[in-house]
């Protein structure tokens, strides 16, 4: 396991707990980064999908939350060793 994978796993556990507290339930679906990314994409971004109940609204409603996007900075900065999300 690479250091990036280990970091992603560690942060995912923390975020999953926070998402569960926020939505009050476990996700109805989870899409891991390896299911979503292309072969050349070095990032680890997962998607958690939660059912949401809303008064007066018929039919299912779902909230999708990305996990891992904040692990990479969005632009060049002071630390050249930090990976950049946008290339």
N, C-alpha and C. Protein backbone atom coordinates (compact mmCIF):
# COMPACT_ATOMS: atom_id res chain seq x y z
N UNK A 1 0.85 -1.18 0.00
CA UNK A 1 0.00 0.00 0.00
C UNK A 1 0.90 1.24 0.00
N UNK A 2 0.58 2.19 -0.86
CA UNK A 2 1.36 3.42 -0.94
C UNK A 2 1.00 4.33 0.23
N UNK A 3 1.86 5.30 0.53
CA UNK A 3 1.52 6.26 1.58
C UNK A 3 0.23 7.02 1.28
N UNK A 4 -0.02 7.31 0.01
CA UNK A 4 -1.25 8.02 -0.38
C UNK A 4 -2.48 7.15 -0.11
N UNK A 5 -2.39 5.86 -0.41
CA UNK A 5 -3.51 4.95 -0.14
C UNK A 5 -3.75 4.84 1.36
N UNK A 6 -2.69 4.75 2.14
CA UNK A 6 -2.83 4.65 3.60
C UNK A 6 -3.47 5.90 4.17
N UNK A 7 -3.04 7.06 3.68
CA UNK A 7 -3.64 8.33 4.14
C UNK A 7 -5.12 8.37 3.79
N UNK A 8 -5.45 7.96 2.57
CA UNK A 8 -6.85 7.97 2.14
C UNK A 8 -7.70 7.04 3.01
N UNK A 9 -7.20 5.86 3.30
CA UNK A 9 -7.95 4.92 4.15
C UNK A 9 -8.17 5.49 5.54
N UNK A 10 -7.13 6.09 6.11
CA UNK A 10 -7.23 6.66 7.45
C UNK A 10 -8.27 7.79 7.47
N UNK A 11 -8.19 8.70 6.52
CA UNK A 11 -9.12 9.82 6.47
C UNK A 11 -10.54 9.37 6.13
N UNK A 12 -10.68 8.33 5.34
CA UNK A 12 -12.00 7.81 4.99
C UNK A 12 -12.74 7.32 6.23
N UNK A 13 -12.04 6.65 7.12
CA UNK A 13 -12.68 6.17 8.36
C UNK A 13 -13.21 7.33 9.19
N UNK A 14 -12.42 8.38 9.30
CA UNK A 14 -12.84 9.57 10.06
C UNK A 14 -14.04 10.23 9.38
N UNK A 15 -13.95 10.41 8.07
CA UNK A 15 -15.04 11.06 7.34
C UNK A 15 -16.32 10.23 7.35
N UNK A 16 -16.20 8.92 7.20
CA UNK A 16 -17.39 8.06 7.20
C UNK A 16 -18.15 8.19 8.52
N UNK A 17 -17.42 8.28 9.61
CA UNK A 17 -18.07 8.47 10.92
C UNK A 17 -18.79 9.81 10.95
N UNK A 18 -18.14 10.87 10.47
CA UNK A 18 -18.76 12.19 10.45
C UNK A 18 -19.98 12.22 9.53
N UNK A 19 -19.89 11.59 8.37
CA UNK A 19 -21.02 11.55 7.44
C UNK A 19 -22.20 10.82 8.09
N UNK A 20 -21.92 9.73 8.80
CA UNK A 20 -22.98 8.98 9.48
C UNK A 20 -23.69 9.82 10.52
N UNK A 21 -22.93 10.62 11.25
CA UNK A 21 -23.52 11.51 12.25
C UNK A 21 -24.35 12.60 11.57
N UNK A 22 -23.84 13.12 10.47
CA UNK A 22 -24.53 14.18 9.75
C UNK A 22 -25.86 13.69 9.15
N UNK A 23 -25.83 12.53 8.50
CA UNK A 23 -27.02 12.02 7.83
C UNK A 23 -27.87 11.13 8.73
N UNK A 24 -27.33 10.69 9.87
CA UNK A 24 -28.09 9.87 10.81
C UNK A 24 -28.30 8.44 10.36
N UNK A 25 -27.49 7.98 9.43
CA UNK A 25 -27.63 6.60 8.95
C UNK A 25 -26.35 6.18 8.22
N UNK A 26 -26.33 4.92 7.85
CA UNK A 26 -25.22 4.43 7.02
C UNK A 26 -25.53 4.75 5.56
N UNK A 27 -24.51 4.80 4.72
CA UNK A 27 -24.79 5.10 3.31
C UNK A 27 -25.59 3.98 2.65
N UNK A 28 -26.45 4.37 1.73
CA UNK A 28 -27.22 3.40 0.96
C UNK A 28 -26.38 2.78 -0.14
N UNK A 29 -25.32 3.49 -0.53
CA UNK A 29 -24.40 3.00 -1.55
C UNK A 29 -23.05 3.65 -1.32
N UNK A 30 -22.01 2.97 -1.76
CA UNK A 30 -20.64 3.49 -1.66
C UNK A 30 -19.91 3.09 -2.93
N UNK A 31 -19.28 4.06 -3.56
CA UNK A 31 -18.50 3.80 -4.76
C UNK A 31 -17.05 4.15 -4.46
N UNK A 32 -16.20 3.15 -4.41
CA UNK A 32 -14.79 3.33 -4.09
C UNK A 32 -14.06 3.95 -5.28
N UNK A 33 -12.98 4.63 -4.97
CA UNK A 33 -12.22 5.33 -6.01
C UNK A 33 -11.79 4.41 -7.14
N UNK A 34 -11.44 3.17 -6.82
CA UNK A 34 -10.98 2.27 -7.88
C UNK A 34 -12.11 1.90 -8.85
N UNK A 35 -13.38 2.08 -8.42
CA UNK A 35 -14.51 1.82 -9.30
C UNK A 35 -14.79 3.01 -10.21
N UNK A 36 -14.31 4.19 -9.83
CA UNK A 36 -14.70 5.41 -10.52
C UNK A 36 -13.61 6.03 -11.39
N UNK A 37 -12.35 5.80 -11.05
CA UNK A 37 -11.30 6.53 -11.74
C UNK A 37 -10.76 5.79 -12.95
N UNK A 38 -10.18 6.56 -13.82
CA UNK A 38 -9.51 6.00 -14.97
C UNK A 38 -8.13 5.50 -14.57
N UNK A 39 -7.52 4.73 -15.43
CA UNK A 39 -6.23 4.12 -15.14
C UNK A 39 -5.14 5.16 -14.91
N UNK A 40 -5.24 6.32 -15.54
CA UNK A 40 -4.20 7.33 -15.41
C UNK A 40 -4.46 8.31 -14.26
N UNK A 41 -5.57 8.20 -13.58
CA UNK A 41 -5.92 9.12 -12.49
C UNK A 41 -5.27 8.65 -11.19
N UNK A 42 -4.34 9.45 -10.62
CA UNK A 42 -3.66 9.04 -9.40
C UNK A 42 -4.45 9.32 -8.12
N UNK A 43 -5.58 9.99 -8.23
CA UNK A 43 -6.33 10.40 -7.04
C UNK A 43 -7.18 9.30 -6.44
N UNK A 44 -7.57 9.53 -5.19
CA UNK A 44 -8.45 8.61 -4.48
C UNK A 44 -9.69 9.39 -4.06
N UNK A 45 -10.74 9.29 -4.84
CA UNK A 45 -11.99 9.99 -4.53
C UNK A 45 -13.12 8.97 -4.57
N UNK A 46 -13.79 8.82 -3.43
CA UNK A 46 -14.91 7.91 -3.30
C UNK A 46 -16.20 8.71 -3.26
N UNK A 47 -17.34 8.03 -3.40
CA UNK A 47 -18.63 8.68 -3.29
C UNK A 47 -19.50 7.87 -2.33
N UNK A 48 -19.99 8.53 -1.29
CA UNK A 48 -20.96 7.96 -0.36
C UNK A 48 -22.33 8.48 -0.77
N UNK A 49 -23.34 7.61 -0.81
CA UNK A 49 -24.69 8.02 -1.18
C UNK A 49 -25.63 7.72 0.00
N UNK A 50 -26.33 8.76 0.46
CA UNK A 50 -27.21 8.64 1.62
C UNK A 50 -28.65 8.92 1.23
N UNK A 51 -29.59 8.11 1.76
CA UNK A 51 -31.00 8.42 1.55
C UNK A 51 -31.38 9.60 2.45
N UNK A 52 -32.20 10.48 1.92
CA UNK A 52 -32.63 11.65 2.67
C UNK A 52 -34.15 11.69 2.69
N UNK A 53 -34.71 11.90 3.86
CA UNK A 53 -36.16 12.06 3.97
C UNK A 53 -36.48 13.54 4.06
N UNK A 54 -37.46 13.96 3.26
CA UNK A 54 -37.84 15.36 3.25
C UNK A 54 -39.37 15.45 3.29
N UNK A 55 -39.88 16.17 4.26
CA UNK A 55 -41.33 16.31 4.41
C UNK A 55 -41.94 16.93 3.16
N UNK A 56 -43.03 16.36 2.71
CA UNK A 56 -43.75 16.90 1.56
C UNK A 56 -43.17 16.53 0.21
N UNK A 57 -42.16 15.71 0.20
CA UNK A 57 -41.55 15.32 -1.07
C UNK A 57 -41.75 13.82 -1.25
N UNK A 58 -42.34 13.46 -2.38
CA UNK A 58 -42.56 12.05 -2.68
C UNK A 58 -41.39 11.49 -3.46
N UNK A 59 -41.19 10.21 -3.30
CA UNK A 59 -40.13 9.54 -4.04
C UNK A 59 -38.80 9.61 -3.30
N UNK A 60 -37.86 8.83 -3.76
CA UNK A 60 -36.56 8.79 -3.07
C UNK A 60 -35.72 10.04 -3.37
N UNK A 61 -35.01 10.46 -2.35
CA UNK A 61 -34.06 11.56 -2.48
C UNK A 61 -32.73 11.04 -1.95
N UNK A 62 -31.66 11.35 -2.64
CA UNK A 62 -30.35 10.88 -2.23
C UNK A 62 -29.36 12.04 -2.22
N UNK A 63 -28.47 12.00 -1.26
CA UNK A 63 -27.38 12.97 -1.20
C UNK A 63 -26.08 12.22 -1.47
N UNK A 64 -25.30 12.72 -2.40
CA UNK A 64 -24.02 12.09 -2.72
C UNK A 64 -22.90 12.98 -2.18
N UNK A 65 -21.97 12.37 -1.47
CA UNK A 65 -20.87 13.10 -0.84
C UNK A 65 -19.55 12.54 -1.34
N UNK A 66 -18.70 13.41 -1.86
CA UNK A 66 -17.38 12.95 -2.29
C UNK A 66 -16.44 12.88 -1.10
N UNK A 67 -15.58 11.91 -1.12
CA UNK A 67 -14.61 11.69 -0.06
C UNK A 67 -13.22 11.63 -0.68
N UNK A 68 -12.37 12.56 -0.30
CA UNK A 68 -11.00 12.53 -0.77
C UNK A 68 -10.58 13.72 -1.58
N UNK A 69 -11.52 14.53 -2.01
CA UNK A 69 -11.16 15.68 -2.84
C UNK A 69 -10.28 16.67 -2.08
N UNK A 70 -10.48 16.78 -0.78
CA UNK A 70 -9.70 17.74 -0.01
C UNK A 70 -8.31 17.21 0.34
N UNK A 71 -8.00 15.97 -0.03
CA UNK A 71 -6.67 15.42 0.24
C UNK A 71 -5.62 16.03 -0.68
N UNK A 72 -6.06 16.66 -1.73
CA UNK A 72 -5.13 17.26 -2.69
C UNK A 72 -5.47 18.73 -2.84
N UNK A 73 -4.45 19.56 -2.88
CA UNK A 73 -4.71 20.99 -3.04
C UNK A 73 -5.17 21.27 -4.46
N UNK A 74 -5.87 22.35 -4.64
CA UNK A 74 -6.48 22.66 -5.92
C UNK A 74 -5.56 23.45 -6.86
N UNK A 75 -4.50 24.05 -6.35
CA UNK A 75 -3.61 24.85 -7.20
C UNK A 75 -2.19 24.77 -6.67
N UNK A 76 -1.28 25.26 -7.45
CA UNK A 76 0.13 25.30 -7.03
C UNK A 76 0.24 26.14 -5.76
N UNK A 77 1.18 25.76 -4.92
CA UNK A 77 1.39 26.51 -3.68
C UNK A 77 2.84 26.48 -3.26
N UNK A 78 3.07 26.63 -1.97
CA UNK A 78 4.43 26.71 -1.45
C UNK A 78 5.11 25.34 -1.34
N UNK A 79 4.34 24.27 -1.25
CA UNK A 79 4.92 22.94 -1.04
C UNK A 79 4.92 22.16 -2.35
N UNK A 80 6.05 22.10 -3.05
CA UNK A 80 6.09 21.41 -4.33
C UNK A 80 5.88 19.89 -4.20
N UNK A 81 6.00 19.34 -3.00
CA UNK A 81 5.80 17.91 -2.82
C UNK A 81 4.35 17.53 -2.66
N UNK A 82 3.48 18.48 -2.45
CA UNK A 82 2.05 18.21 -2.26
C UNK A 82 1.40 17.99 -3.63
N UNK A 83 0.67 16.86 -3.81
CA UNK A 83 0.01 16.63 -5.10
C UNK A 83 -1.06 17.68 -5.38
N UNK A 84 -1.28 17.94 -6.64
CA UNK A 84 -2.26 18.94 -7.08
C UNK A 84 -3.44 18.24 -7.73
N UNK A 85 -4.66 18.63 -7.37
CA UNK A 85 -5.86 18.00 -7.92
C UNK A 85 -6.07 18.36 -9.38
N UNK A 86 -5.90 19.61 -9.72
CA UNK A 86 -6.11 20.05 -11.08
C UNK A 86 -4.78 20.10 -11.82
N UNK A 87 -4.72 19.41 -12.93
CA UNK A 87 -3.46 19.41 -13.69
C UNK A 87 -3.55 20.32 -14.87
